[in-house]
C-alpha atoms as a PDB file:
ATOM      1  CA  MET A   1      -0.542   0.213  -0.148  1.00  0.00           C
ATOM      2  CA  ARG A   2       3.074   2.547   0.456  1.00  0.00           C
ATOM      3  CA  ALA A   3       4.229   2.330  -3.461  1.00  0.00           C
ATOM      4  CA  LEU A   4       0.956   3.366  -4.285  1.00  0.00           C
ATOM      5  CA  SER A   5       1.108   6.271  -2.191  1.00  0.00           C
ATOM      6  CA  VAL A   6       4.254   7.064  -3.538  1.00  0.00           C
ATOM      7  CA  THR A   7       4.222   5.722  -6.433  1.00  0.00           C
ATOM      8  CA  ASP A   8       2.327   8.218  -9.877  1.00  0.00           C
ATOM      9  CA  VAL A   9      -0.404   6.389 -11.124  1.00  0.00           C
ATOM     10  CA  LEU A  10       0.665   7.006 -15.056  1.00  0.00           C
ATOM     11  CA  THR A  11       4.947   6.370 -14.611  1.00  0.00           C
ATOM     12  CA  GLY A  12       5.807   4.711 -12.736  1.00  0.00           C
ATOM     13  CA  ALA A  13       7.894   7.503 -11.324  1.00  0.00           C
ATOM     14  CA  TYR A  14       7.791   8.212  -7.818  1.00  0.00           C
ATOM     15  CA  ASN A  15       5.360  11.183  -6.805  1.00  0.00           C
ATOM     16  CA  ARG A  16       5.289  15.275  -5.454  1.00  0.00           C
ATOM     17  CA  ARG A  17       5.156  13.472  -2.087  1.00  0.00           C
ATOM     18  CA  TYR A  18       7.991  11.313  -2.411  1.00  0.00           C
ATOM     19  CA  PHE A  19       9.991  14.072  -3.442  1.00  0.00           C
ATOM     20  CA  GLN A  20       9.715  16.195  -0.229  1.00  0.00           C
ATOM     21  CA  ASP A  21       9.203  13.371   1.364  1.00  0.00           C
ATOM     22  CA  ARG A  22      12.558  12.495   1.065  1.00  0.00           C
ATOM     23  CA  MET A  23      14.239  15.961   0.304  1.00  0.00           C
ATOM     24  CA  GLN A  24      13.948  16.244   3.764  1.00  0.00           C
ATOM     25  CA  ALA A  25      15.037  12.896   5.123  1.00  0.00           C
ATOM     26  CA  GLU A  26      18.394  14.114   2.999  1.00  0.00           C
ATOM     27  CA  LEU A  27      19.162  17.959   3.927  1.00  0.00           C
ATOM     28  CA  LYS A  28      18.798  16.350   7.670  1.00  0.00           C
ATOM     29  CA  ARG A  29      21.191  13.529   6.115  1.00  0.00           C
ATOM     30  CA  ILE A  30      23.277  16.848   5.264  1.00  0.00           C
ATOM     31  CA  ASP A  31      23.183  18.876   7.981  1.00  0.00           C
ATOM     32  CA  ARG A  32      24.034  15.819  10.254  1.00  0.00           C
ATOM     33  CA  HIS A  33      26.663  14.630   8.186  1.00  0.00           C
ATOM     34  CA  GLY A  34      27.865  16.549   5.571  1.00  0.00           C
ATOM     35  CA  GLY A  35      27.914  15.920   2.247  1.00  0.00           C
ATOM     36  CA  ASN A  36      25.869  17.633  -1.852  1.00  0.00           C
ATOM     37  CA  LEU A  37      22.743  17.354  -2.785  1.00  0.00           C
ATOM     38  CA  SER A  38      22.633  17.709  -6.449  1.00  0.00           C
ATOM     39  CA  ILE A  39      18.851  19.114  -7.946  1.00  0.00           C
ATOM     40  CA  ILE A  40      17.637  18.554 -11.824  1.00  0.00           C
ATOM     41  CA  MET A  41      13.692  20.150 -12.720  1.00  0.00           C
ATOM     42  CA  LEU A  42      12.751  18.556 -16.121  1.00  0.00           C
ATOM     43  CA  ASP A  43       8.931  20.221 -17.356  1.00  0.00           C
ATOM     44  CA  ILE A  44       8.683  19.590 -20.887  1.00  0.00           C
ATOM     45  CA  ASP A  45       7.979  23.278 -23.239  1.00  0.00           C
ATOM     46  CA  HIS A  46       4.925  23.520 -24.464  1.00  0.00           C
ATOM     47  CA  PHE A  47       3.187  20.528 -23.247  1.00  0.00           C
ATOM     48  CA  LYS A  48      -0.198  22.070 -23.241  1.00  0.00           C
ATOM     49  CA  ARG A  49      -0.320  22.015 -27.579  1.00  0.00           C
ATOM     50  CA  ILE A  50       0.291  18.297 -27.323  1.00  0.00           C
ATOM     51  CA  ASN A  51      -2.554  17.239 -25.443  1.00  0.00           C
ATOM     52  CA  ASP A  52      -3.804  19.893 -27.307  1.00  0.00           C
ATOM     53  CA  ARG A  53      -3.620  18.491 -30.598  1.00  0.00           C
ATOM     54  CA  PHE A  54      -3.122  15.247 -30.296  1.00  0.00           C
ATOM     55  CA  GLY A  55      -5.218  14.599 -27.484  1.00  0.00           C
ATOM     56  CA  HIS A  56      -3.783  13.470 -23.793  1.00  0.00           C
ATOM     57  CA  ALA A  57      -4.354   9.546 -24.451  1.00  0.00           C
ATOM     58  CA  ALA A  58      -0.576  11.007 -26.856  1.00  0.00           C
ATOM     59  CA  GLY A  59       0.370  13.626 -24.094  1.00  0.00           C
ATOM     60  CA  ASP A  60       0.226  10.601 -21.683  1.00  0.00           C
ATOM     61  CA  GLN A  61       1.899   7.925 -24.210  1.00  0.00           C
ATOM     62  CA  VAL A  62       4.474  10.779 -24.725  1.00  0.00           C
ATOM     63  CA  LEU A  63       4.850  11.336 -21.188  1.00  0.00           C
ATOM     64  CA  LYS A  64       5.692   8.013 -20.209  1.00  0.00           C
ATOM     65  CA  ALA A  65       8.511   7.566 -22.516  1.00  0.00           C
ATOM     66  CA  ILE A  66      10.022  10.883 -21.369  1.00  0.00           C
ATOM     67  CA  SER A  67       9.655   8.582 -17.828  1.00  0.00           C
ATOM     68  CA  GLU A  68      11.070   5.868 -19.338  1.00  0.00           C
ATOM     69  CA  LYS A  69      14.148   7.692 -21.389  1.00  0.00           C
ATOM     70  CA  ILE A  70      15.447   9.834 -17.814  1.00  0.00           C
ATOM     71  CA  SER A  71      14.636   6.122 -15.301  1.00  0.00           C
ATOM     72  CA  GLN A  72      17.166   4.538 -17.899  1.00  0.00           C
ATOM     73  CA  ARG A  73      20.001   6.918 -18.140  1.00  0.00           C
ATOM     74  CA  LEU A  74      20.128   7.601 -13.695  1.00  0.00           C
ATOM     75  CA  ARG A  75      22.681   5.970 -11.308  1.00  0.00           C
ATOM     76  CA  SER A  76      21.241   3.470  -8.760  1.00  0.00           C
ATOM     77  CA  ASP A  77      21.536   6.304  -5.818  1.00  0.00           C
ATOM     78  CA  ASP A  78      19.369   8.657  -7.726  1.00  0.00           C
ATOM     79  CA  VAL A  79      15.377   9.218  -7.291  1.00  0.00           C
ATOM     80  CA  PHE A  80      13.682  10.228 -10.111  1.00  0.00           C
ATOM     81  CA  CYS A  81      10.337  11.471 -10.233  1.00  0.00           C
ATOM     82  CA  ARG A  82       6.839  13.170 -10.797  1.00  0.00           C
ATOM     83  CA  LEU A  83       5.109  16.342  -9.012  1.00  0.00           C
ATOM     84  CA  GLY A  84       2.951  16.663 -11.535  1.00  0.00           C
ATOM     85  CA  GLY A  85       1.704  17.288 -14.710  1.00  0.00           C
ATOM     86  CA  GLU A  86       4.695  18.061 -17.229  1.00  0.00           C
ATOM     87  CA  GLU A  87       7.099  18.898 -13.881  1.00  0.00           C
ATOM     88  CA  PHE A  88      10.538  16.146 -13.013  1.00  0.00           C
ATOM     89  CA  MET A  89      12.971  16.133 -10.276  1.00  0.00           C
ATOM     90  CA  VAL A  90      15.947  14.052 -10.721  1.00  0.00           C
END
């Protein structure tokens, strides 16, 4: 049940809730032990145009394809999340 509450249904990536929880944990870890943290925000430019022109089903396919491509390129300790809409964080 926990996996469902922190996973984006469409893409299978972690969701905003997981991102927020994980970010808090990572910031606390850095406070205690030091270290670095990098965050990458990704946003699909003009995504609304895709939905408007080709429909939401096509837009969903684009989101799934992009999520899959990004997931394939991550290191084992990287965390990939879909914040919502066409916004992602790594």
